[in-house]
Amino acid sequence: MNAMCKYQDRAGETLIAAVDALQGASSDVVRIRRLFWAGLVGEFSEGQAGDIIDAIGLPKAFEVLGDAVQAAFPQEKTDGAAPKAGKPKAAGTPPKPTS
């Protein structure tokens, strides 16, 4: 939650809006760096976030960002089927029991 707020405060757009924008323009490196920066724990500048991306490579940075977004918005699974599309579950909502 704090990373999403950190991103929105700096970028002036929500995390969802950023992810949607990247779907069509994955070359928006400023947005990618800012998203990565928002997810870092500790005091880092956006430039330092870019240095980390340079060190791990852009494909790995995309993988890390994708994992973080999926963790922020988990989808309900049903009987081993693919996750249902839909709204993210509210925070604090206990998971449904699985059989």
C-alpha atoms as a PDB file:
ATOM      1  CA  MET A   1       0.000   0.000   0.000  1.00  0.00           C
ATOM      2  CA  ASN A   2       2.758   2.460   0.901  1.00  0.00           C
ATOM      3  CA  ALA A   3       4.565   1.843  -2.377  1.00  0.00           C
ATOM      4  CA  MET A   4       1.364   2.554  -4.306  1.00  0.00           C
ATOM      5  CA  CYS A   5       0.881   5.806  -2.374  1.00  0.00           C
ATOM      6  CA  LYS A   6       4.539   6.737  -2.846  1.00  0.00           C
ATOM      7  CA  TYR A   7       4.184   6.221  -6.597  1.00  0.00           C
ATOM      8  CA  GLN A   8       0.906   8.136  -6.833  1.00  0.00           C
ATOM      9  CA  ASP A   9       2.259  11.069  -4.806  1.00  0.00           C
ATOM     10  CA  ARG A  10       5.287  11.398  -7.096  1.00  0.00           C
ATOM     11  CA  ALA A  11       3.729  10.531 -10.450  1.00  0.00           C
ATOM     12  CA  GLY A  12       0.271  12.012 -10.065  1.00  0.00           C
ATOM     13  CA  GLU A  13      -1.309   8.810 -11.355  1.00  0.00           C
ATOM     14  CA  THR A  14      -2.408   5.574  -9.750  1.00  0.00           C
ATOM     15  CA  LEU A  15      -0.529   2.306  -9.994  1.00  0.00           C
ATOM     16  CA  ILE A  16      -3.368   0.886 -12.102  1.00  0.00           C
ATOM     17  CA  ALA A  17      -3.138   3.824 -14.516  1.00  0.00           C
ATOM     18  CA  ALA A  18       0.632   3.308 -14.795  1.00  0.00           C
ATOM     19  CA  VAL A  19       0.293  -0.411 -15.491  1.00  0.00           C
ATOM     20  CA  ASP A  20      -2.432   0.263 -18.065  1.00  0.00           C
ATOM     21  CA  ALA A  21      -0.230   2.880 -19.746  1.00  0.00           C
ATOM     22  CA  LEU A  22       2.704   0.459 -19.898  1.00  0.00           C
ATOM     23  CA  GLN A  23       0.536  -2.115 -21.665  1.00  0.00           C
ATOM     24  CA  GLY A  24       0.667   0.093 -24.751  1.00  0.00           C
ATOM     25  CA  ALA A  25       3.976   1.908 -24.244  1.00  0.00           C
ATOM     26  CA  SER A  26       6.466  -0.385 -22.567  1.00  0.00           C
ATOM     27  CA  SER A  27       9.277   1.930 -23.668  1.00  0.00           C
ATOM     28  CA  ASP A  28       8.245   4.622 -21.140  1.00  0.00           C
ATOM     29  CA  VAL A  29      11.458   4.283 -19.156  1.00  0.00           C
ATOM     30  CA  VAL A  30      10.677   7.183 -16.817  1.00  0.00           C
ATOM     31  CA  ARG A  31       7.466   5.470 -15.719  1.00  0.00           C
ATOM     32  CA  ILE A  32       9.237   2.109 -15.381  1.00  0.00           C
ATOM     33  CA  ARG A  33      12.001   3.630 -13.252  1.00  0.00           C
ATOM     34  CA  ARG A  34       9.491   5.493 -11.070  1.00  0.00           C
ATOM     35  CA  LEU A  35       7.437   2.333 -10.489  1.00  0.00           C
ATOM     36  CA  PHE A  36      10.576   0.419  -9.577  1.00  0.00           C
ATOM     37  CA  TRP A  37      11.697   3.253  -7.275  1.00  0.00           C
ATOM     38  CA  ALA A  38       8.345   3.317  -5.457  1.00  0.00           C
ATOM     39  CA  GLY A  39       8.703  -0.362  -4.630  1.00  0.00           C
ATOM     40  CA  LEU A  40      12.140  -0.026  -3.076  1.00  0.00           C
ATOM     41  CA  VAL A  41      12.324  -0.125   0.701  1.00  0.00           C
ATOM     42  CA  GLY A  42      14.559   2.545   2.190  1.00  0.00           C
ATOM     43  CA  GLU A  43      15.786   5.895   1.037  1.00  0.00           C
ATOM     44  CA  PHE A  44      16.676   5.680  -2.647  1.00  0.00           C
ATOM     45  CA  SER A  45      16.529   8.310  -5.357  1.00  0.00           C
ATOM     46  CA  GLU A  46      14.922   7.618  -8.702  1.00  0.00           C
ATOM     47  CA  GLY A  47      18.416   7.765 -10.186  1.00  0.00           C
ATOM     48  CA  GLN A  48      19.565   5.024  -7.816  1.00  0.00           C
ATOM     49  CA  ALA A  49      16.529   2.973  -8.843  1.00  0.00           C
ATOM     50  CA  GLY A  50      17.688   3.378 -12.449  1.00  0.00           C
ATOM     51  CA  ASP A  51      21.162   2.207 -11.457  1.00  0.00           C
ATOM     52  CA  ILE A  52      19.625  -0.936  -9.925  1.00  0.00           C
ATOM     53  CA  ILE A  53      17.634  -1.544 -13.101  1.00  0.00           C
ATOM     54  CA  ASP A  54      20.839  -1.158 -15.122  1.00  0.00           C
ATOM     55  CA  ALA A  55      22.550  -3.691 -12.858  1.00  0.00           C
ATOM     56  CA  ILE A  56      19.822  -6.347 -13.065  1.00  0.00           C
ATOM     57  CA  GLY A  57      18.669  -5.603 -16.616  1.00  0.00           C
ATOM     58  CA  LEU A  58      15.364  -4.342 -17.932  1.00  0.00           C
ATOM     59  CA  PRO A  59      13.823  -7.827 -18.436  1.00  0.00           C
ATOM     60  CA  LYS A  60      14.450  -8.694 -14.766  1.00  0.00           C
ATOM     61  CA  ALA A  61      13.107  -5.280 -13.696  1.00  0.00           C
ATOM     62  CA  PHE A  62       9.892  -5.983 -15.640  1.00  0.00           C
ATOM     63  CA  GLU A  63       9.671  -9.397 -13.976  1.00  0.00           C
ATOM     64  CA  VAL A  64      10.091  -7.855 -10.512  1.00  0.00           C
ATOM     65  CA  LEU A  65       7.492  -5.172 -11.256  1.00  0.00           C
ATOM     66  CA  GLY A  66       5.052  -7.776 -12.574  1.00  0.00           C
ATOM     67  CA  ASP A  67       5.495  -9.901  -9.457  1.00  0.00           C
ATOM     68  CA  ALA A  68       4.956  -6.858  -7.237  1.00  0.00           C
ATOM     69  CA  VAL A  69       1.761  -5.835  -9.039  1.00  0.00           C
ATOM     70  CA  GLN A  70       0.408  -9.390  -8.842  1.00  0.00           C
ATOM     71  CA  ALA A  71       1.205  -9.502  -5.122  1.00  0.00           C
ATOM     72  CA  ALA A  72      -0.570  -6.173  -4.602  1.00  0.00           C
ATOM     73  CA  PHE A  73      -3.695  -7.385  -6.405  1.00  0.00           C
ATOM     74  CA  PRO A  74      -4.070 -11.129  -5.828  1.00  0.00           C
ATOM     75  CA  GLN A  75      -6.808 -12.811  -7.801  1.00  0.00           C
ATOM     76  CA  GLU A  76      -9.107 -15.499  -6.456  1.00  0.00           C
ATOM     77  CA  LYS A  77      -8.440 -19.017  -7.760  1.00  0.00           C
ATOM     78  CA  THR A  78     -11.159 -21.614  -8.193  1.00  0.00           C
ATOM     79  CA  ASP A  79     -10.526 -25.364  -8.127  1.00  0.00           C
ATOM     80  CA  GLY A  80      -7.122 -25.228  -9.816  1.00  0.00           C
ATOM     81  CA  ALA A  81      -8.486 -23.143 -12.676  1.00  0.00           C
ATOM     82  CA  ALA A  82      -6.871 -19.959 -13.893  1.00  0.00           C
ATOM     83  CA  PRO A  83      -7.409 -16.948 -11.633  1.00  0.00           C
ATOM     84  CA  LYS A  84     -10.684 -15.120 -12.105  1.00  0.00           C
ATOM     85  CA  ALA A  85     -10.495 -11.710 -13.697  1.00  0.00           C
ATOM     86  CA  GLY A  86     -12.103  -8.920 -11.792  1.00  0.00           C
ATOM     87  CA  LYS A  87     -11.607  -6.414  -9.066  1.00  0.00           C
ATOM     88  CA  PRO A  88      -8.745  -6.922  -6.634  1.00  0.00           C
ATOM     89  CA  LYS A  89      -9.766  -8.342  -3.277  1.00  0.00           C
ATOM     90  CA  ALA A  90     -10.076  -5.804  -0.490  1.00  0.00           C
ATOM     91  CA  ALA A  91      -7.262  -5.730   2.019  1.00  0.00           C
ATOM     92  CA  GLY A  92      -7.995  -7.800   5.071  1.00  0.00           C
ATOM     93  CA  THR A  93     -10.424 -10.080   3.270  1.00  0.00           C
ATOM     94  CA  PRO A  94      -9.599 -13.621   4.336  1.00  0.00           C
ATOM     95  CA  PRO A  95      -8.993 -16.105   1.527  1.00  0.00           C
ATOM     96  CA  LYS A  96     -11.737 -18.611   0.773  1.00  0.00           C
ATOM     97  CA  PRO A  97     -10.923 -22.128   1.888  1.00  0.00           C
ATOM     98  CA  THR A  98      -9.742 -24.504  -0.811  1.00  0.00           C
ATOM     99  CA  SER A  99     -10.567 -28.182  -1.013  1.00  0.00           C
END
